[in-house]
Amino acid sequence: MPVPELTPLTPGARRVLDAASRLFYERGIHSVGVDTIAESAGVTKKTLYDRFGSKEALVVAYLQHRDARWRDHVEAHLARVPAPGVERVLTVFDAAISWSDANSPKGCSAINARAEVGDGHDGHPVFGEVSRQKTWLLGLFDELCRQAGMQDASSLARAMMLLYEGAIVTVGMETFTHPFERARAVARVLLESQPPLGEPASTT
């Protein structure tokens, strides 16, 4: 799925989105009503609806803008490790480590939103947005593994995705500390165990 081009926001829309983003992430989507968002943003409900149309559309905007910040964060980290290889793949985990404490103490906003919508709302626009975000990250892992010359890059990318997703859920659940650091260590073992493309895999 293509990454959406974000529409420029008016000052009023920015206040609404900033307030909604904070409230949705801290309290959950269902527990926050448009009255609370409008009051927090210092605007009327009419302004909120004029700018976003509906609460559903505001939720999607919240997820999209948050994801855009995350992608910029990842790209900034990747720019520091331009050479293809294991370290560049691991840079995604480094980006997550530096992002997580300040931005994701309750775990992944997309996963949390998907869980709140539930299985009975298959047509909800949150579903498509969450799927797009996760597809993008899997595609990034696949691209980085292929650039690194890994054999069976697609399988490795899926393994990286599983480690990443497990870590971000563990952040939200607070099951144990430093999950992304632990995921990164396992990812390194997996990546370094793979021979470069063109070399036979070890049989020992």
Protein backbone atom coordinates (compact mmCIF):
# COMPACT_ATOMS: atom_id res chain seq x y z
CA MET A 1 0.00 0.00 0.00
CA PRO A 2 1.39 3.45 -0.85
CA VAL A 3 2.30 5.87 1.91
CA PRO A 4 -0.39 8.57 1.97
CA GLU A 5 0.51 12.16 1.19
CA LEU A 6 -0.50 14.18 4.23
CA THR A 7 -2.66 17.23 3.62
CA PRO A 8 -1.24 20.47 5.09
CA LEU A 9 -3.07 21.43 8.28
CA THR A 10 -4.55 24.78 9.20
CA PRO A 11 -3.61 26.08 12.68
CA GLY A 12 -7.00 25.00 13.99
CA ALA A 13 -6.68 21.54 12.49
CA ARG A 14 -3.18 21.20 13.95
CA ARG A 15 -4.49 22.02 17.43
CA VAL A 16 -7.25 19.45 17.03
CA LEU A 17 -4.86 16.78 15.77
CA ASP A 18 -2.27 17.45 18.47
CA ALA A 19 -4.91 17.23 21.19
CA ALA A 20 -6.51 14.12 19.70
CA SER A 21 -3.15 12.40 19.24
CA ARG A 22 -2.20 12.92 22.86
CA LEU A 23 -5.61 11.88 24.19
CA PHE A 24 -6.07 8.87 21.90
CA TYR A 25 -2.67 7.48 22.80
CA GLU A 26 -2.89 8.15 26.54
CA ARG A 27 -6.54 7.21 27.15
CA GLY A 28 -7.62 5.12 24.17
CA ILE A 29 -9.83 5.94 21.21
CA HIS A 30 -13.19 4.84 22.61
CA SER A 31 -12.80 6.66 25.92
CA VAL A 32 -12.13 10.04 24.29
CA GLY A 33 -15.05 11.91 22.77
CA VAL A 34 -15.06 14.82 20.36
CA ASP A 35 -16.20 17.18 23.14
CA THR A 36 -13.05 16.39 25.13
CA ILE A 37 -10.84 16.80 22.07
CA ALA A 38 -12.40 20.12 21.09
CA GLU A 39 -12.11 21.46 24.62
CA SER A 40 -8.47 20.37 24.91
CA ALA A 41 -7.68 21.94 21.53
CA GLY A 42 -9.47 25.17 22.37
CA VAL A 43 -11.82 24.94 19.39
CA THR A 44 -15.50 24.25 18.83
CA LYS A 45 -16.87 20.87 17.78
CA LYS A 46 -17.88 22.55 14.53
CA THR A 47 -14.21 23.36 13.83
CA LEU A 48 -13.27 19.75 14.53
CA TYR A 49 -15.89 18.41 12.13
CA ASP A 50 -15.15 21.09 9.53
CA ARG A 51 -11.48 20.10 9.49
CA PHE A 52 -11.76 16.30 9.74
CA GLY A 53 -15.35 15.35 8.96
CA SER A 54 -15.74 12.64 11.58
CA LYS A 55 -14.08 11.06 14.59
CA GLU A 56 -13.12 8.07 12.45
CA ALA A 57 -11.29 10.35 10.02
CA LEU A 58 -9.55 12.07 12.94
CA VAL A 59 -8.40 8.69 14.26
CA VAL A 60 -6.93 7.81 10.87
CA ALA A 61 -5.22 11.22 10.68
CA TYR A 62 -3.75 10.61 14.14
CA LEU A 63 -2.32 7.27 13.02
CA GLN A 64 -1.02 8.64 9.72
CA HIS A 65 0.74 11.64 11.21
CA ARG A 66 2.25 9.58 13.99
CA ASP A 67 3.47 7.04 11.43
CA ALA A 68 4.97 9.82 9.30
CA ARG A 69 7.02 10.98 12.30
CA TRP A 70 8.16 7.40 12.92
CA ARG A 71 9.18 6.92 9.28
CA ASP A 72 11.17 10.17 9.36
CA HIS A 73 12.86 8.94 12.53
CA VAL A 74 13.78 5.63 10.88
CA GLU A 75 15.06 7.33 7.74
CA ALA A 76 17.26 9.64 9.83
CA HIS A 77 18.83 6.63 11.51
CA LEU A 78 19.31 4.79 8.22
CA ALA A 79 21.05 7.85 6.78
CA ARG A 80 23.77 7.39 9.40
CA VAL A 81 24.43 3.79 8.28
CA PRO A 82 24.39 4.02 4.46
CA ALA A 83 26.36 0.84 3.71
CA PRO A 84 24.21 -2.26 3.11
CA GLY A 85 24.72 -5.03 5.64
CA VAL A 86 23.76 -6.41 9.02
CA GLU A 87 24.26 -3.10 10.83
CA ARG A 88 21.89 -1.30 8.48
CA VAL A 89 19.15 -3.87 9.13
CA LEU A 90 19.73 -3.55 12.86
CA THR A 91 19.40 0.22 12.56
CA VAL A 92 15.61 -0.18 12.51
CA PHE A 93 15.86 -1.60 16.03
CA ASP A 94 18.17 1.26 17.02
CA ALA A 95 15.55 3.70 15.77
CA ALA A 96 12.89 1.90 17.81
CA ILE A 97 15.05 2.04 20.94
CA SER A 98 15.53 5.79 20.68
CA TRP A 99 11.87 6.35 19.78
CA SER A 100 10.18 4.09 22.28
CA ASP A 101 10.63 5.76 25.67
CA ALA A 102 9.54 9.23 24.59
CA ASN A 103 6.92 8.27 22.03
CA SER A 104 5.60 4.76 22.70
CA PRO A 105 5.49 3.98 26.45
CA LYS A 106 2.12 2.29 25.90
CA GLY A 107 3.28 0.30 22.89
CA CYS A 108 2.32 0.63 19.24
CA SER A 109 -0.42 3.16 18.50
CA ALA A 110 -1.49 1.20 15.43
CA ILE A 111 -1.78 -2.11 17.29
CA ASN A 112 -3.61 -0.41 20.15
CA ALA A 113 -6.06 1.22 17.74
CA ARG A 114 -6.62 -2.06 15.91
CA ALA A 115 -7.35 -3.82 19.20
CA GLU A 116 -9.87 -1.14 20.18
CA VAL A 117 -11.77 -1.35 16.92
CA GLY A 118 -12.18 -5.11 17.38
CA ASP A 119 -13.13 -7.90 15.00
CA GLY A 120 -16.68 -6.76 14.45
CA HIS A 121 -15.73 -3.71 12.38
CA ASP A 122 -13.88 -5.12 9.37
CA GLY A 123 -14.79 -2.10 7.26
CA HIS A 124 -13.40 0.43 9.74
CA PRO A 125 -10.78 2.69 8.10
CA VAL A 126 -8.37 1.99 10.98
CA PHE A 127 -7.95 -1.54 9.62
CA GLY A 128 -6.60 -0.34 6.30
CA GLU A 129 -4.29 2.21 7.90
CA VAL A 130 -2.81 -0.28 10.36
CA SER A 131 -2.31 -2.81 7.57
CA ARG A 132 -0.54 -0.18 5.47
CA GLN A 133 1.84 0.73 8.28
CA LYS A 134 2.78 -2.85 9.00
CA THR A 135 3.16 -3.66 5.30
CA TRP A 136 5.51 -0.69 4.96
CA LEU A 137 7.73 -1.88 7.80
CA LEU A 138 7.86 -5.45 6.50
CA GLY A 139 8.76 -4.07 3.08
CA LEU A 140 11.54 -2.01 4.62
CA PHE A 141 13.00 -5.05 6.39
CA ASP A 142 12.77 -7.01 3.12
CA GLU A 143 14.53 -4.23 1.21
CA LEU A 144 17.31 -3.95 3.78
CA CYS A 145 17.86 -7.72 3.89
CA ARG A 146 18.02 -7.88 0.09
CA GLN A 147 20.45 -4.96 -0.04
CA ALA A 148 22.60 -6.81 2.49
CA GLY A 149 22.79 -9.76 0.09
CA MET A 150 21.07 -12.17 2.47
CA GLN A 151 19.93 -15.57 1.28
CA ASP A 152 16.16 -15.95 1.61
CA ALA A 153 15.77 -12.28 2.41
CA SER A 154 11.99 -12.56 2.58
CA SER A 155 12.10 -15.12 5.38
CA LEU A 156 14.65 -13.05 7.27
CA ALA A 157 12.51 -9.96 6.86
CA ARG A 158 9.55 -11.78 8.37
CA ALA A 159 11.73 -12.88 11.27
CA MET A 160 12.84 -9.27 11.81
CA MET A 161 9.21 -8.18 11.74
CA LEU A 162 8.24 -10.78 14.32
CA LEU A 163 11.04 -9.63 16.61
CA TYR A 164 10.05 -5.98 16.16
CA GLU A 165 6.34 -6.61 16.74
CA GLY A 166 7.04 -8.79 19.77
CA ALA A 167 9.22 -6.06 21.24
CA ILE A 168 6.72 -3.23 20.74
CA VAL A 169 3.93 -5.29 22.31
CA THR A 170 6.23 -6.12 25.23
CA VAL A 171 6.86 -2.38 25.70
CA GLY A 172 3.14 -1.81 26.11
CA MET A 173 2.63 -4.84 28.35
CA GLU A 174 5.76 -4.08 30.44
CA THR A 175 6.48 -7.81 30.56
CA PHE A 176 10.20 -7.17 30.95
CA THR A 177 12.61 -4.30 30.44
CA HIS A 178 14.52 -3.29 27.31
CA PRO A 179 12.64 -5.53 24.84
CA PHE A 180 13.99 -3.79 21.74
CA GLU A 181 17.57 -4.27 22.92
CA ARG A 182 16.86 -7.96 23.41
CA ALA A 183 15.12 -8.23 20.04
CA ARG A 184 18.10 -6.52 18.40
CA ALA A 185 20.50 -9.04 19.94
CA VAL A 186 18.45 -11.96 18.60
CA ALA A 187 18.16 -10.25 15.21
CA ARG A 188 21.95 -9.95 15.02
CA VAL A 189 22.38 -13.67 15.67
CA LEU A 190 19.88 -14.53 12.94
CA LEU A 191 21.38 -12.12 10.41
CA GLU A 192 24.99 -13.13 11.06
CA SER A 193 24.11 -16.82 10.77
CA GLN A 194 23.08 -16.33 7.13
CA PRO A 195 25.74 -16.75 4.43
CA PRO A 196 25.91 -14.06 1.75
CA LEU A 197 23.90 -14.62 -1.41
CA GLY A 198 25.69 -17.09 -3.65
CA GLU A 199 27.45 -18.97 -0.87
CA PRO A 200 26.16 -22.38 0.22
CA ALA A 201 24.52 -22.60 3.62
CA SER A 202 26.50 -24.45 6.27
CA THR A 203 25.45 -28.05 6.89
CA THR A 204 27.17 -28.32 10.27
